[in-house]
Amino acid sequence: MKWVTRQKVHVDRVACPWLIKKFIDPEAEFVFVPRDTDPAAIKDGIPFDMKGVELGHHEDKCSFDAFMEKYDIQDPIAKKIQLIVREADTGSENPSPLAIALDVFGRGYSLICHDDHETLEKEFFLYDALYAYFKKQIDNER
């Protein structure tokens, strides 16, 4: 399946592709379009994190939230990451240190990567590391 979002990915537009690959569509292909692209014009692929789409921002929630809800992802570790992504992406008033770090790393990756595909490739390791950290934390609580 093709998934379409805006160019120059940042927190939500990296976290969502990671979530898609991990929980929804392991064979996903990502297409990046100019910021001013009308999502209604997209005929080949599912638009996300674009103005007015189902898998986008709604009220105080980010696109990652929309994916978690639509695909009924109940994984407790993904839910922990969901909170961090929302804080980092929506300008939360008092973001957690991890949300601030996610934003900073996202900005840094955009400076060292050649394109959005490379950014996803490199930043997915960051989300995999967060997932592993929280998994170990949950496993230790059992």
N, C-alpha and C. Protein backbone atom coordinates (compact mmCIF):
# COMPACT_ATOMS: atom_id res chain seq x y z
N MET A 1 0.85 -1.18 0.00
CA MET A 1 0.00 0.00 0.00
C MET A 1 0.89 1.24 0.00
N LYS A 2 0.44 2.27 -0.69
CA LYS A 2 1.14 3.56 -0.67
C LYS A 2 0.49 4.46 0.36
N TRP A 3 1.33 5.16 1.10
CA TRP A 3 0.90 6.13 2.10
C TRP A 3 1.52 7.46 1.71
N VAL A 4 0.72 8.51 1.69
CA VAL A 4 1.16 9.80 1.16
C VAL A 4 1.09 10.86 2.24
N THR A 5 2.17 11.62 2.37
CA THR A 5 2.21 12.72 3.33
C THR A 5 3.06 13.86 2.78
N ARG A 6 3.12 14.92 3.55
CA ARG A 6 3.88 16.10 3.12
C ARG A 6 5.38 15.88 3.24
N GLN A 7 6.12 16.59 2.42
CA GLN A 7 7.58 16.56 2.44
C GLN A 7 8.10 17.19 3.73
N LYS A 8 9.40 17.02 3.93
CA LYS A 8 10.12 17.59 5.08
C LYS A 8 9.53 17.07 6.39
N VAL A 9 9.61 15.74 6.53
CA VAL A 9 9.02 15.06 7.68
C VAL A 9 9.62 15.56 9.00
N HIS A 10 8.78 15.53 9.99
CA HIS A 10 9.20 15.83 11.36
C HIS A 10 8.51 14.81 12.27
N VAL A 11 8.34 15.08 13.51
CA VAL A 11 7.92 14.10 14.50
C VAL A 11 6.75 13.22 14.04
N ASP A 12 5.59 13.79 13.80
CA ASP A 12 4.41 13.00 13.47
C ASP A 12 4.55 12.27 12.15
N ARG A 13 5.19 12.90 11.17
CA ARG A 13 5.36 12.30 9.85
C ARG A 13 6.52 11.31 9.80
N VAL A 14 7.18 11.11 10.92
CA VAL A 14 8.14 10.01 11.07
C VAL A 14 7.52 8.93 11.94
N ALA A 15 6.89 9.35 13.03
CA ALA A 15 6.29 8.39 13.95
C ALA A 15 5.19 7.58 13.26
N CYS A 16 4.37 8.23 12.43
CA CYS A 16 3.29 7.50 11.75
C CYS A 16 3.82 6.43 10.80
N PRO A 17 4.79 6.74 9.94
CA PRO A 17 5.34 5.67 9.10
C PRO A 17 5.95 4.53 9.92
N TRP A 18 6.59 4.86 11.04
CA TRP A 18 7.13 3.81 11.91
C TRP A 18 5.99 2.93 12.41
N LEU A 19 4.91 3.55 12.87
CA LEU A 19 3.75 2.81 13.37
C LEU A 19 3.12 1.97 12.26
N ILE A 20 3.01 2.55 11.08
CA ILE A 20 2.45 1.83 9.93
C ILE A 20 3.27 0.57 9.66
N LYS A 21 4.58 0.72 9.56
CA LYS A 21 5.46 -0.43 9.26
C LYS A 21 5.40 -1.49 10.37
N LYS A 22 5.34 -1.04 11.61
CA LYS A 22 5.40 -1.97 12.74
C LYS A 22 4.07 -2.67 13.02
N PHE A 23 2.95 -1.98 12.82
CA PHE A 23 1.67 -2.53 13.26
C PHE A 23 0.60 -2.67 12.17
N ILE A 24 0.77 -2.00 11.03
CA ILE A 24 -0.34 -1.95 10.07
C ILE A 24 0.03 -2.56 8.72
N ASP A 25 1.14 -2.14 8.16
CA ASP A 25 1.49 -2.50 6.79
C ASP A 25 3.01 -2.62 6.66
N PRO A 26 3.56 -3.81 6.97
CA PRO A 26 5.03 -3.97 6.94
C PRO A 26 5.66 -3.69 5.57
N GLU A 27 4.88 -3.79 4.51
CA GLU A 27 5.39 -3.56 3.16
C GLU A 27 5.06 -2.15 2.66
N ALA A 28 4.71 -1.26 3.55
CA ALA A 28 4.28 0.09 3.18
C ALA A 28 5.32 0.81 2.33
N GLU A 29 4.80 1.62 1.41
CA GLU A 29 5.63 2.51 0.60
C GLU A 29 5.19 3.93 0.93
N PHE A 30 6.14 4.83 1.14
CA PHE A 30 5.82 6.20 1.52
C PHE A 30 6.16 7.16 0.38
N VAL A 31 5.22 8.05 0.13
CA VAL A 31 5.36 9.06 -0.92
C VAL A 31 5.25 10.42 -0.24
N PHE A 32 6.14 11.33 -0.62
CA PHE A 32 6.17 12.66 -0.02
C PHE A 32 5.82 13.69 -1.08
N VAL A 33 4.82 14.49 -0.77
CA VAL A 33 4.33 15.48 -1.74
C VAL A 33 4.55 16.89 -1.18
N PRO A 34 4.52 17.89 -2.05
CA PRO A 34 4.68 19.27 -1.57
C PRO A 34 3.60 19.64 -0.54
N ARG A 35 3.97 20.53 0.35
CA ARG A 35 3.12 20.96 1.46
C ARG A 35 1.74 21.43 1.01
N ASP A 36 1.67 22.09 -0.13
CA ASP A 36 0.40 22.66 -0.58
C ASP A 36 -0.45 21.70 -1.42
N THR A 37 -0.09 20.43 -1.48
CA THR A 37 -0.85 19.44 -2.23
C THR A 37 -2.24 19.27 -1.61
N ASP A 38 -3.25 19.28 -2.45
CA ASP A 38 -4.62 19.05 -2.00
C ASP A 38 -4.79 17.54 -1.80
N PRO A 39 -5.08 17.10 -0.57
CA PRO A 39 -5.22 15.66 -0.34
C PRO A 39 -6.32 15.01 -1.20
N ALA A 40 -7.33 15.79 -1.58
CA ALA A 40 -8.40 15.25 -2.42
C ALA A 40 -7.87 14.85 -3.80
N ALA A 41 -6.75 15.41 -4.22
CA ALA A 41 -6.17 15.10 -5.52
C ALA A 41 -5.36 13.80 -5.49
N ILE A 42 -5.14 13.26 -4.32
CA ILE A 42 -4.35 12.03 -4.20
C ILE A 42 -5.24 10.84 -4.52
N LYS A 43 -4.93 10.17 -5.61
CA LYS A 43 -5.74 9.03 -6.06
C LYS A 43 -5.04 7.69 -5.84
N ASP A 44 -3.72 7.75 -5.67
CA ASP A 44 -2.95 6.51 -5.52
C ASP A 44 -2.25 6.53 -4.17
N GLY A 45 -2.94 6.07 -3.14
CA GLY A 45 -2.36 6.02 -1.82
C GLY A 45 -3.29 6.63 -0.77
N ILE A 46 -2.94 6.41 0.46
CA ILE A 46 -3.73 6.91 1.59
C ILE A 46 -3.01 8.13 2.17
N PRO A 47 -3.67 9.30 2.12
CA PRO A 47 -3.03 10.49 2.68
C PRO A 47 -3.08 10.49 4.20
N PHE A 48 -2.01 11.00 4.81
CA PHE A 48 -2.01 11.15 6.27
C PHE A 48 -1.21 12.39 6.65
N ASP A 49 -1.50 12.89 7.83
CA ASP A 49 -0.89 14.10 8.37
C ASP A 49 -0.94 15.24 7.35
N MET A 50 -2.13 15.40 6.79
CA MET A 50 -2.41 16.51 5.87
C MET A 50 -3.72 17.13 6.33
N LYS A 51 -3.88 18.38 6.03
CA LYS A 51 -5.08 19.11 6.46
C LYS A 51 -6.35 18.47 5.90
N GLY A 52 -7.30 18.19 6.81
CA GLY A 52 -8.60 17.71 6.41
C GLY A 52 -8.73 16.22 6.16
N VAL A 53 -7.70 15.42 6.44
CA VAL A 53 -7.79 13.98 6.20
C VAL A 53 -8.12 13.24 7.50
N GLU A 54 -8.69 12.06 7.34
CA GLU A 54 -9.05 11.24 8.50
C GLU A 54 -7.83 10.96 9.38
N LEU A 55 -6.71 10.63 8.77
CA LEU A 55 -5.51 10.28 9.52
C LEU A 55 -4.62 11.51 9.68
N GLY A 56 -5.22 12.54 10.28
CA GLY A 56 -4.53 13.80 10.50
C GLY A 56 -4.82 14.33 11.89
N HIS A 57 -4.49 15.57 12.11
CA HIS A 57 -4.73 16.22 13.40
C HIS A 57 -6.23 16.49 13.57
N HIS A 58 -6.72 16.25 14.76
CA HIS A 58 -8.12 16.54 15.11
C HIS A 58 -8.13 17.04 16.55
N GLU A 59 -8.61 18.28 16.71
CA GLU A 59 -8.62 18.94 18.02
C GLU A 59 -7.21 18.94 18.59
N ASP A 60 -7.00 18.37 19.78
CA ASP A 60 -5.68 18.40 20.40
C ASP A 60 -4.88 17.12 20.14
N LYS A 61 -5.32 16.33 19.19
CA LYS A 61 -4.65 15.06 18.89
C LYS A 61 -3.90 15.16 17.57
N CYS A 62 -2.83 14.39 17.49
CA CYS A 62 -2.00 14.38 16.28
C CYS A 62 -2.36 13.18 15.40
N SER A 63 -1.69 13.07 14.28
CA SER A 63 -1.96 11.99 13.33
C SER A 63 -1.66 10.62 13.92
N PHE A 64 -0.63 10.53 14.75
CA PHE A 64 -0.31 9.26 15.41
C PHE A 64 -1.52 8.78 16.21
N ASP A 65 -2.20 9.69 16.90
CA ASP A 65 -3.42 9.35 17.63
C ASP A 65 -4.48 8.79 16.69
N ALA A 66 -4.63 9.43 15.53
CA ALA A 66 -5.64 8.98 14.56
C ALA A 66 -5.35 7.55 14.09
N PHE A 67 -4.09 7.23 13.85
CA PHE A 67 -3.73 5.86 13.46
C PHE A 67 -4.01 4.88 14.59
N MET A 68 -3.63 5.25 15.80
CA MET A 68 -3.86 4.36 16.95
C MET A 68 -5.35 4.04 17.09
N GLU A 69 -6.18 5.05 16.91
CA GLU A 69 -7.63 4.86 17.05
C GLU A 69 -8.21 4.09 15.87
N LYS A 70 -7.92 4.51 14.65
CA LYS A 70 -8.51 3.86 13.47
C LYS A 70 -8.15 2.37 13.40
N TYR A 71 -6.90 2.05 13.69
CA TYR A 71 -6.44 0.67 13.57
C TYR A 71 -6.49 -0.08 14.90
N ASP A 72 -7.12 0.54 15.89
CA ASP A 72 -7.34 -0.07 17.21
C ASP A 72 -6.07 -0.74 17.75
N ILE A 73 -5.01 0.02 17.75
CA ILE A 73 -3.73 -0.50 18.25
C ILE A 73 -3.73 -0.40 19.77
N GLN A 74 -3.72 -1.54 20.41
CA GLN A 74 -3.82 -1.61 21.87
C GLN A 74 -2.49 -1.94 22.55
N ASP A 75 -1.44 -2.02 21.78
CA ASP A 75 -0.12 -2.35 22.32
C ASP A 75 0.26 -1.32 23.39
N PRO A 76 0.52 -1.76 24.62
CA PRO A 76 0.82 -0.81 25.71
C PRO A 76 2.08 0.02 25.47
N ILE A 77 3.02 -0.53 24.75
CA ILE A 77 4.25 0.21 24.47
C ILE A 77 3.98 1.29 23.42
N ALA A 78 3.23 0.95 22.41
CA ALA A 78 2.86 1.94 21.40
C ALA A 78 2.06 3.08 22.04
N LYS A 79 1.26 2.76 23.05
CA LYS A 79 0.49 3.80 23.75
C LYS A 79 1.40 4.75 24.51
N LYS A 80 2.49 4.25 25.07
CA LYS A 80 3.46 5.12 25.74
C LYS A 80 4.12 6.06 24.73
N ILE A 81 4.49 5.51 23.59
CA ILE A 81 5.11 6.31 22.54
C ILE A 81 4.10 7.33 22.00
N GLN A 82 2.85 6.95 21.91
CA GLN A 82 1.79 7.84 21.46
C GLN A 82 1.75 9.13 22.28
N LEU A 83 1.86 9.01 23.58
CA LEU A 83 1.83 10.20 24.44
C LEU A 83 3.01 11.12 24.17
N ILE A 84 4.17 10.54 23.97
CA ILE A 84 5.38 11.32 23.71
C ILE A 84 5.27 12.03 22.36
N VAL A 85 4.81 11.31 21.35
CA VAL A 85 4.65 11.89 20.02
C VAL A 85 3.67 13.05 20.06
N ARG A 86 2.54 12.84 20.74
CA ARG A 86 1.54 13.91 20.82
C ARG A 86 2.13 15.16 21.47
N GLU A 87 2.84 14.98 22.58
CA GLU A 87 3.45 16.13 23.25
C GLU A 87 4.47 16.83 22.35
N ALA A 88 5.27 16.05 21.65
CA ALA A 88 6.31 16.62 20.79
C ALA A 88 5.73 17.32 19.57
N ASP A 89 4.60 16.83 19.08
CA ASP A 89 4.07 17.33 17.81
C ASP A 89 3.03 18.43 17.95
N THR A 90 2.36 18.51 19.08
CA THR A 90 1.23 19.44 19.18
C THR A 90 1.55 20.69 19.99
N GLY A 91 2.79 20.86 20.39
CA GLY A 91 3.14 22.05 21.15
C GLY A 91 2.56 22.02 22.55
N SER A 92 2.59 20.88 23.18
CA SER A 92 2.09 20.71 24.54
C SER A 92 2.72 21.76 25.46
N GLU A 93 1.93 22.26 26.39
CA GLU A 93 2.40 23.34 27.27
C GLU A 93 3.59 22.93 28.13
N ASN A 94 3.56 21.74 28.69
CA ASN A 94 4.65 21.25 29.52
C ASN A 94 5.09 19.88 29.03
N PRO A 95 5.80 19.84 27.89
CA PRO A 95 6.18 18.54 27.34
C PRO A 95 7.19 17.81 28.23
N SER A 96 7.11 16.50 28.18
CA SER A 96 8.06 15.67 28.93
C SER A 96 9.45 15.80 28.31
N PRO A 97 10.47 15.47 29.07
CA PRO A 97 11.83 15.50 28.50
C PRO A 97 11.97 14.63 27.25
N LEU A 98 11.28 13.49 27.23
CA LEU A 98 11.37 12.64 26.03
C LEU A 98 10.72 13.29 24.82
N ALA A 99 9.64 14.04 25.03
CA ALA A 99 9.00 14.75 23.91
C ALA A 99 9.93 15.83 23.37
N ILE A 100 10.58 16.54 24.26
CA ILE A 100 11.53 17.57 23.85
C ILE A 100 12.68 16.92 23.07
N ALA A 101 13.19 15.81 23.58
CA ALA A 101 14.29 15.11 22.90
C ALA A 101 13.86 14.62 21.52
N LEU A 102 12.65 14.09 21.41
CA LEU A 102 12.16 13.61 20.12
C LEU A 102 12.13 14.75 19.11
N ASP A 103 11.67 15.91 19.54
CA ASP A 103 11.64 17.08 18.67
C ASP A 103 13.06 17.49 18.25
N VAL A 104 13.97 17.53 19.21
CA VAL A 104 15.35 17.93 18.92
C VAL A 104 16.01 16.94 17.96
N PHE A 105 15.86 15.65 18.24
CA PHE A 105 16.45 14.65 17.34
C PHE A 105 15.84 14.75 15.95
N GLY A 106 14.53 14.96 15.88
CA GLY A 106 13.88 15.11 14.58
C GLY A 106 14.44 16.28 13.79
N ARG A 107 14.67 17.39 14.47
CA ARG A 107 15.24 18.56 13.79
C ARG A 107 16.67 18.27 13.34
N GLY A 108 17.41 17.56 14.17
CA GLY A 108 18.79 17.20 13.80
C GLY A 108 18.86 16.27 12.62
N TYR A 109 18.01 15.24 12.60
CA TYR A 109 18.00 14.32 11.47
C TYR A 109 17.69 15.05 10.17
N SER A 110 16.78 16.03 10.22
CA SER A 110 16.45 16.75 8.99
C SER A 110 17.64 17.53 8.46
N LEU A 111 18.58 17.84 9.32
CA LEU A 111 19.78 18.58 8.90
C LEU A 111 20.86 17.68 8.30
N ILE A 112 20.87 16.40 8.68
CA ILE A 112 21.93 15.51 8.20
C ILE A 112 21.48 14.53 7.13
N CYS A 113 20.18 14.42 6.91
CA CYS A 113 19.68 13.47 5.91
C CYS A 113 19.44 14.16 4.58
N HIS A 114 19.61 13.42 3.51
CA HIS A 114 19.48 13.97 2.15
C HIS A 114 18.03 14.11 1.70
N ASP A 115 17.15 13.24 2.20
CA ASP A 115 15.75 13.31 1.80
C ASP A 115 14.88 12.65 2.87
N ASP A 116 13.58 12.69 2.65
CA ASP A 116 12.64 12.15 3.64
C ASP A 116 12.78 10.65 3.82
N HIS A 117 13.09 9.93 2.76
CA HIS A 117 13.26 8.48 2.88
C HIS A 117 14.44 8.15 3.79
N GLU A 118 15.53 8.86 3.64
CA GLU A 118 16.69 8.64 4.50
C GLU A 118 16.36 9.01 5.95
N THR A 119 15.61 10.09 6.12
CA THR A 119 15.21 10.50 7.48
C THR A 119 14.41 9.38 8.14
N LEU A 120 13.45 8.82 7.42
CA LEU A 120 12.67 7.71 7.99
C LEU A 120 13.58 6.55 8.36
N GLU A 121 14.43 6.18 7.43
CA GLU A 121 15.33 5.04 7.66
C GLU A 121 16.14 5.23 8.94
N LYS A 122 16.69 6.39 9.13
CA LYS A 122 17.53 6.65 10.29
C LYS A 122 16.71 6.83 11.57
N GLU A 123 15.62 7.58 11.48
CA GLU A 123 14.82 7.85 12.68
C GLU A 123 14.03 6.64 13.17
N PHE A 124 13.75 5.69 12.29
CA PHE A 124 13.06 4.49 12.75
C PHE A 124 13.85 3.81 13.87
N PHE A 125 15.18 3.91 13.83
CA PHE A 125 16.00 3.33 14.89
C PHE A 125 15.69 3.99 16.23
N LEU A 126 15.43 5.27 16.21
CA LEU A 126 15.08 6.01 17.42
C LEU A 126 13.77 5.47 18.01
N TYR A 127 12.78 5.26 17.16
CA TYR A 127 11.50 4.73 17.64
C TYR A 127 11.62 3.28 18.06
N ASP A 128 12.44 2.51 17.36
CA ASP A 128 12.70 1.13 17.78
C ASP A 128 13.37 1.10 19.15
N ALA A 129 14.28 2.05 19.39
CA ALA A 129 14.96 2.12 20.69
C ALA A 129 13.98 2.50 21.78
N LEU A 130 13.10 3.46 21.52
CA LEU A 130 12.07 3.82 22.50
C LEU A 130 11.19 2.61 22.81
N TYR A 131 10.80 1.90 21.76
CA TYR A 131 9.96 0.72 21.93
C TYR A 131 10.67 -0.32 22.80
N ALA A 132 11.93 -0.59 22.51
CA ALA A 132 12.70 -1.57 23.29
C ALA A 132 12.84 -1.14 24.75
N TYR A 133 13.09 0.14 24.96
CA TYR A 133 13.23 0.67 26.32
C TYR A 133 11.94 0.46 27.13
N PHE A 134 10.82 0.85 26.54
CA PHE A 134 9.55 0.72 27.26
C PHE A 134 9.14 -0.74 27.41
N LYS A 135 9.49 -1.58 26.44
CA LYS A 135 9.19 -3.01 26.56
C LYS A 135 9.94 -3.60 27.74
N LYS A 136 11.22 -3.27 27.86
CA LYS A 136 12.02 -3.76 28.99
C LYS A 136 11.43 -3.26 30.31
N GLN A 137 11.02 -2.00 30.33
CA GLN A 137 10.42 -1.41 31.53
C GLN A 137 9.14 -2.19 31.92
N ILE A 138 8.29 -2.47 30.96
CA ILE A 138 7.05 -3.20 31.24
C ILE A 138 7.36 -4.62 31.65
N ASP A 139 8.31 -5.27 30.97
CA ASP A 139 8.69 -6.64 31.33
C ASP A 139 9.22 -6.71 32.76
N ASN A 140 9.96 -5.71 33.19
CA ASN A 140 10.51 -5.69 34.55
C ASN A 140 9.43 -5.49 35.62
N GLU A 141 8.30 -4.89 35.21
CA GLU A 141 7.21 -4.66 36.15
C GLU A 141 6.41 -5.92 36.39
N ARG A 142 6.54 -6.89 35.52
CA ARG A 142 5.75 -8.15 35.63
C ARG A 142 6.38 -9.10 36.59
